C-alpha atoms as a PDB file:
ATOM      1  CA  MET A   1    -170.509-132.633 -27.224  1.00  0.00           C
ATOM      2  CA  ILE A   2    -172.104-135.959 -28.033  1.00  0.00           C
ATOM      3  CA  SER A   3    -175.763-136.941 -27.807  1.00  0.00           C
ATOM      4  CA  ARG A   4    -177.325-138.928 -24.968  1.00  0.00           C
ATOM      5  CA  GLU A   5    -178.116-141.718 -27.430  1.00  0.00           C
ATOM      6  CA  LEU A   6    -174.441-142.065 -28.352  1.00  0.00           C
ATOM      7  CA  GLU A   7    -173.443-142.096 -24.667  1.00  0.00           C
ATOM      8  CA  ALA A   8    -175.983-144.878 -24.048  1.00  0.00           C
ATOM      9  CA  GLU A   9    -174.637-146.819 -27.062  1.00  0.00           C
ATOM     10  CA  ILE A  10    -171.067-146.506 -25.734  1.00  0.00           C
ATOM     11  CA  LEU A  11    -172.118-147.832 -22.315  1.00  0.00           C
ATOM     12  CA  ARG A  12    -174.178-150.662 -23.841  1.00  0.00           C
ATOM     13  CA  LEU A  13    -171.364-151.855 -26.102  1.00  0.00           C
ATOM     14  CA  TYR A  14    -168.822-151.553 -23.290  1.00  0.00           C
ATOM     15  CA  HIS A  15    -170.891-153.544 -20.747  1.00  0.00           C
ATOM     16  CA  ALA A  16    -172.878-155.971 -22.905  1.00  0.00           C
ATOM     17  CA  GLU A  17    -170.466-156.652 -25.763  1.00  0.00           C
ATOM     18  CA  HIS A  18    -167.243-156.062 -23.752  1.00  0.00           C
ATOM     19  CA  TRP A  19    -165.762-153.813 -26.444  1.00  0.00           C
ATOM     20  CA  ARG A  20    -162.532-152.045 -25.635  1.00  0.00           C
ATOM     21  CA  ILE A  21    -162.096-148.267 -25.788  1.00  0.00           C
ATOM     22  CA  GLY A  22    -160.199-148.343 -29.087  1.00  0.00           C
ATOM     23  CA  THR A  23    -162.821-150.558 -30.710  1.00  0.00           C
ATOM     24  CA  LEU A  24    -165.628-148.286 -29.526  1.00  0.00           C
ATOM     25  CA  ALA A  25    -163.866-145.186 -30.849  1.00  0.00           C
ATOM     26  CA  ARG A  26    -163.108-146.758 -34.220  1.00  0.00           C
ATOM     27  CA  GLN A  27    -166.577-148.207 -34.796  1.00  0.00           C
ATOM     28  CA  LEU A  28    -168.473-145.110 -33.618  1.00  0.00           C
ATOM     29  CA  ASN A  29    -166.129-142.632 -35.367  1.00  0.00           C
ATOM     30  CA  ILE A  30    -165.331-140.681 -32.220  1.00  0.00           C
ATOM     31  CA  HIS A  31    -162.097-139.910 -30.408  1.00  0.00           C
ATOM     32  CA  HIS A  32    -160.883-142.393 -27.801  1.00  0.00           C
ATOM     33  CA  ASP A  33    -160.705-139.610 -25.174  1.00  0.00           C
ATOM     34  CA  THR A  34    -164.444-139.042 -25.690  1.00  0.00           C
ATOM     35  CA  VAL A  35    -165.099-142.726 -24.976  1.00  0.00           C
ATOM     36  CA  ARG A  36    -162.919-142.525 -21.847  1.00  0.00           C
ATOM     37  CA  ARG A  37    -164.798-139.412 -20.664  1.00  0.00           C
ATOM     38  CA  VAL A  38    -168.191-141.122 -21.076  1.00  0.00           C
ATOM     39  CA  LEU A  39    -166.985-144.197 -19.190  1.00  0.00           C
ATOM     40  CA  THR A  40    -165.439-142.100 -16.406  1.00  0.00           C
ATOM     41  CA  GLN A  41    -168.650-140.057 -16.015  1.00  0.00           C
ATOM     42  CA  ALA A  42    -170.575-143.329 -15.725  1.00  0.00           C
ATOM     43  CA  GLY A  43    -168.358-144.335 -12.779  1.00  0.00           C
ATOM     44  CA  ILE A  44    -166.186-146.876 -14.550  1.00  0.00           C
ATOM     45  CA  PRO A  45    -162.616-146.590 -13.246  1.00  0.00           C
ATOM     46  CA  ALA A  46    -159.890-146.026 -15.786  1.00  0.00           C
ATOM     47  CA  ALA A  47    -157.855-149.117 -16.511  1.00  0.00           C
ATOM     48  CA  ALA A  48    -154.409-148.947 -14.990  1.00  0.00           C
ATOM     49  CA  GLN A  49    -151.596-149.643 -17.393  1.00  0.00           C
ATOM     50  CA  SER A  50    -149.554-152.599 -16.373  1.00  0.00           C
ATOM     51  CA  THR A  51    -145.810-152.219 -16.579  1.00  0.00           C
ATOM     52  CA  ARG A  52    -143.781-155.222 -17.611  1.00  0.00           C
ATOM     53  CA  ASP A  53    -140.364-155.983 -16.290  1.00  0.00           C
ATOM     54  CA  SER A  54    -137.591-155.230 -18.728  1.00  0.00           C
ATOM     55  CA  ILE A  55    -134.537-157.383 -19.344  1.00  0.00           C
ATOM     56  CA  ALA A  56    -132.533-154.228 -18.634  1.00  0.00           C
ATOM     57  CA  ASP A  57    -134.012-153.715 -15.130  1.00  0.00           C
ATOM     58  CA  PRO A  58    -131.159-155.525 -13.291  1.00  0.00           C
ATOM     59  CA  PHE A  59    -128.642-153.298 -15.113  1.00  0.00           C
ATOM     60  CA  VAL A  60    -130.371-149.927 -14.567  1.00  0.00           C
ATOM     61  CA  PRO A  61    -128.403-149.028 -11.383  1.00  0.00           C
ATOM     62  CA  PHE A  62    -125.130-149.724 -13.219  1.00  0.00           C
ATOM     63  CA  ILE A  63    -126.283-147.646 -16.205  1.00  0.00           C
ATOM     64  CA  GLN A  64    -127.289-144.741 -13.967  1.00  0.00           C
ATOM     65  CA  ASP A  65    -124.020-144.829 -11.987  1.00  0.00           C
ATOM     66  CA  THR A  66    -121.922-144.968 -15.147  1.00  0.00           C
ATOM     67  CA  LEU A  67    -123.839-142.120 -16.786  1.00  0.00           C
ATOM     68  CA  ALA A  68    -123.574-140.042 -13.605  1.00  0.00           C
ATOM     69  CA  ARG A  69    -119.776-140.350 -13.759  1.00  0.00           C
ATOM     70  CA  TYR A  70    -119.446-140.158 -17.551  1.00  0.00           C
ATOM     71  CA  PRO A  71    -122.505-138.326 -18.952  1.00  0.00           C
ATOM     72  CA  SER A  72    -121.185-138.182 -22.530  1.00  0.00           C
ATOM     73  CA  LEU A  73    -120.332-141.902 -22.731  1.00  0.00           C
ATOM     74  CA  ARG A  74    -121.735-143.378 -25.933  1.00  0.00           C
ATOM     75  CA  ALA A  75    -124.533-145.940 -25.712  1.00  0.00           C
ATOM     76  CA  SER A  76    -122.505-148.397 -27.816  1.00  0.00           C
ATOM     77  CA  ARG A  77    -119.660-148.396 -25.267  1.00  0.00           C
ATOM     78  CA  LEU A  78    -122.131-148.704 -22.391  1.00  0.00           C
ATOM     79  CA  TYR A  79    -123.786-151.607 -24.252  1.00  0.00           C
ATOM     80  CA  ASP A  80    -120.426-153.418 -24.423  1.00  0.00           C
ATOM     81  CA  MET A  81    -119.921-152.876 -20.691  1.00  0.00           C
ATOM     82  CA  VAL A  82    -123.402-154.172 -19.810  1.00  0.00           C
ATOM     83  CA  ARG A  83    -123.082-157.055 -22.271  1.00  0.00           C
ATOM     84  CA  GLU A  84    -119.953-158.218 -20.383  1.00  0.00           C
ATOM     85  CA  ARG A  85    -122.070-158.230 -17.217  1.00  0.00           C
ATOM     86  CA  GLY A  86    -124.695-160.527 -18.746  1.00  0.00           C
ATOM     87  CA  TYR A  87    -127.213-158.326 -20.611  1.00  0.00           C
ATOM     88  CA  PRO A  88    -128.885-160.521 -23.270  1.00  0.00           C
ATOM     89  CA  GLY A  89    -130.617-157.787 -25.291  1.00  0.00           C
ATOM     90  CA  ARG A  90    -129.850-156.179 -28.634  1.00  0.00           C
ATOM     91  CA  PRO A  91    -127.975-152.862 -29.086  1.00  0.00           C
ATOM     92  CA  ASP A  92    -130.760-151.043 -30.958  1.00  0.00           C
ATOM     93  CA  HIS A  93    -133.204-151.383 -28.053  1.00  0.00           C
ATOM     94  CA  PHE A  94    -130.445-150.652 -25.550  1.00  0.00           C
ATOM     95  CA  ARG A  95    -129.938-147.166 -27.053  1.00  0.00           C
ATOM     96  CA  ALA A  96    -133.543-146.287 -26.194  1.00  0.00           C
ATOM     97  CA  ILE A  97    -133.023-147.530 -22.627  1.00  0.00           C
ATOM     98  CA  VAL A  98    -129.864-145.438 -22.215  1.00  0.00           C
ATOM     99  CA  ALA A  99    -131.675-142.352 -23.578  1.00  0.00           C
ATOM    100  CA  ARG A 100    -134.204-142.642 -20.711  1.00  0.00           C
ATOM    101  CA  TYR A 101    -131.483-142.511 -18.062  1.00  0.00           C
ATOM    102  CA  ARG A 102    -128.996-140.129 -19.668  1.00  0.00           C
ATOM    103  CA  PRO A 103    -128.717-136.898 -17.640  1.00  0.00           C
ATOM    104  CA  ARG A 104    -130.161-133.895 -19.429  1.00  0.00           C
ATOM    105  CA  PRO A 105    -128.063-130.731 -19.778  1.00  0.00           C
ATOM    106  CA  THR A 106    -129.263-127.829 -17.686  1.00  0.00           C
ATOM    107  CA  ALA A 107    -131.409-125.367 -19.547  1.00  0.00           C
ATOM    108  CA  GLU A 108    -129.987-121.906 -20.076  1.00  0.00           C
ATOM    109  CA  ALA A 109    -132.071-118.783 -20.069  1.00  0.00           C
ATOM    110  CA  TYR A 110    -131.911-116.520 -23.088  1.00  0.00           C
ATOM    111  CA  LEU A 111    -133.476-113.133 -23.534  1.00  0.00           C
ATOM    112  CA  ARG A 112    -134.388-112.206 -27.063  1.00  0.00           C
ATOM    113  CA  LEU A 113    -133.785-108.504 -27.540  1.00  0.00           C
ATOM    114  CA  ARG A 114    -136.524-106.806 -29.521  1.00  0.00           C
ATOM    115  CA  THR A 115    -136.045-103.232 -30.562  1.00  0.00           C
ATOM    116  CA  LEU A 116    -137.969-100.872 -32.756  1.00  0.00           C
ATOM    117  CA  GLN A 117    -136.707 -99.940 -36.197  1.00  0.00           C
ATOM    118  CA  GLY A 118    -133.668 -97.694 -35.914  1.00  0.00           C
ATOM    119  CA  ASP A 119    -133.366 -98.020 -32.114  1.00  0.00           C
ATOM    120  CA  GLN A 120    -130.177-100.017 -32.304  1.00  0.00           C
ATOM    121  CA  GLY A 121    -127.294-100.268 -34.717  1.00  0.00           C
ATOM    122  CA  GLN A 122    -123.685-101.297 -35.082  1.00  0.00           C
ATOM    123  CA  CYS A 123    -121.049 -99.077 -36.683  1.00  0.00           C
ATOM    124  CA  ASP A 124    -117.538 -99.754 -37.873  1.00  0.00           C
ATOM    125  CA  TRP A 125    -114.725 -98.170 -39.881  1.00  0.00           C
ATOM    126  CA  ALA A 126    -112.779-100.113 -42.462  1.00  0.00           C
ATOM    127  CA  HIS A 127    -109.590 -99.278 -44.402  1.00  0.00           C
ATOM    128  CA  PHE A 128    -109.326-100.664 -47.924  1.00  0.00           C
ATOM    129  CA  GLY A 129    -105.916 -99.415 -48.916  1.00  0.00           C
ATOM    130  CA  LYS A 130    -105.321 -96.528 -51.340  1.00  0.00           C
ATOM    131  CA  LEU A 131    -107.196 -95.340 -54.410  1.00  0.00           C
ATOM    132  CA  ALA A 132    -105.712 -93.328 -57.259  1.00  0.00           C
ATOM    133  CA  VAL A 133    -107.749 -90.180 -57.903  1.00  0.00           C
ATOM    134  CA  GLY A 134    -106.111 -88.335 -60.773  1.00  0.00           C
ATOM    135  CA  LYS A 135    -102.409 -88.111 -59.885  1.00  0.00           C
ATOM    136  CA  ALA A 136    -103.031 -88.356 -56.141  1.00  0.00           C
ATOM    137  CA  LEU A 137    -103.182 -91.509 -54.017  1.00  0.00           C
ATOM    138  CA  ARG A 138    -105.952 -91.216 -51.443  1.00  0.00           C
ATOM    139  CA  PRO A 139    -106.694 -93.586 -48.548  1.00  0.00           C
ATOM    140  CA  LEU A 140    -109.946 -95.494 -49.129  1.00  0.00           C
ATOM    141  CA  MET A 141    -112.040 -95.744 -45.980  1.00  0.00           C
ATOM    142  CA  ALA A 142    -115.555 -97.009 -45.400  1.00  0.00           C
ATOM    143  CA  PHE A 143    -118.035 -96.371 -42.644  1.00  0.00           C
ATOM    144  CA  VAL A 144    -120.500 -99.247 -42.233  1.00  0.00           C
ATOM    145  CA  MET A 145    -123.678 -99.060 -40.164  1.00  0.00           C
ATOM    146  CA  ILE A 146    -126.031-101.986 -39.676  1.00  0.00           C
ATOM    147  CA  CYS A 147    -129.418-101.096 -38.210  1.00  0.00           C
ATOM    148  CA  GLY A 148    -131.518-103.455 -36.106  1.00  0.00           C
ATOM    149  CA  GLN A 149    -134.805-104.687 -37.571  1.00  0.00           C
ATOM    150  CA  PRO A 150    -134.921-104.127 -41.340  1.00  0.00           C
ATOM    151  CA  GLN A 151    -131.272-105.113 -41.820  1.00  0.00           C
ATOM    152  CA  ILE A 152    -130.299-101.891 -43.539  1.00  0.00           C
ATOM    153  CA  ILE A 153    -126.649-101.925 -44.475  1.00  0.00           C
ATOM    154  CA  THR A 154    -125.286 -98.581 -45.444  1.00  0.00           C
ATOM    155  CA  ASN A 155    -121.785 -98.025 -46.666  1.00  0.00           C
ATOM    156  CA  VAL A 156    -120.252 -94.620 -47.163  1.00  0.00           C
ATOM    157  CA  ALA A 157    -116.867 -94.598 -48.831  1.00  0.00           C
ATOM    158  CA  LEU A 158    -114.710 -91.724 -47.799  1.00  0.00           C
ATOM    159  CA  LEU A 159    -111.701 -90.800 -49.866  1.00  0.00           C
ATOM    160  CA  GLN A 160    -110.057 -88.573 -47.300  1.00  0.00           C
ATOM    161  CA  MET A 161    -109.729 -88.839 -43.559  1.00  0.00           C
ATOM    162  CA  TRP A 162    -110.234 -85.135 -42.987  1.00  0.00           C
ATOM    163  CA  ARG A 163    -112.567 -84.349 -40.165  1.00  0.00           C
ATOM    164  CA  ARG A 164    -114.823 -82.243 -42.367  1.00  0.00           C
ATOM    165  CA  ARG A 165    -115.320 -85.115 -44.840  1.00  0.00           C
ATOM    166  CA  ARG A 166    -115.964 -87.653 -42.081  1.00  0.00           C
ATOM    167  CA  THR A 167    -118.592 -85.407 -40.585  1.00  0.00           C
ATOM    168  CA  ARG A 168    -120.286 -84.919 -43.963  1.00  0.00           C
ATOM    169  CA  GLY A 169    -120.330 -88.672 -44.526  1.00  0.00           C
ATOM    170  CA  ARG A 170    -121.818 -89.259 -41.087  1.00  0.00           C
ATOM    171  CA  ILE A 171    -124.524 -86.645 -41.649  1.00  0.00           C
ATOM    172  CA  ALA A 172    -125.379 -88.183 -45.037  1.00  0.00           C
ATOM    173  CA  LEU A 173    -125.616 -91.604 -43.446  1.00  0.00           C
ATOM    174  CA  ASP A 174    -127.866 -90.319 -40.676  1.00  0.00           C
ATOM    175  CA  ARG A 175    -130.201 -88.867 -43.282  1.00  0.00           C
ATOM    176  CA  ARG A 176    -130.346 -92.177 -45.204  1.00  0.00           C
ATOM    177  CA  VAL A 177    -131.341 -94.255 -42.184  1.00  0.00           C
ATOM    178  CA  GLY A 178    -133.614 -91.627 -40.657  1.00  0.00           C
ATOM    179  CA  ALA A 179    -131.565 -90.960 -37.532  1.00  0.00           C
ATOM    180  CA  THR A 180    -131.721 -87.549 -35.838  1.00  0.00           C
END
């Protein structure tokens, strides 16, 4: 909120001295939108921005048609095509013109899945060959479980594939991650 005195000063400098909005904002240390608001409230219409013709305007329909047929066509190739048709401009500015008319890819919807700690996990078995235990060769297996949020990775190596051992390993794993 600015004071009435500052509003009066803005209006005086605008009307009497013919200062522009940017000059008023800079000299009075206020934002240019504040100057615009004061002028609009005083009934002064906002200045319409004038648009200049571009040297690319005659080529815009060709650019749009070409990009509609070939949306991934590079701006450098399109520049060569337009240059052959009489475009006098430079390639660096032409890239910005092509970017305005290039069709945008359709947006895809994604749903981020948020779960509470321990609500979701991924499990997998892995076989790592054989391990010598004493004189016996035992298969080396691993059970890996990755839990959702805190990125707990638990690995239980099982030396035998007997059902009893697998069950014990699973129960031990459940206790480590707090599952029921």
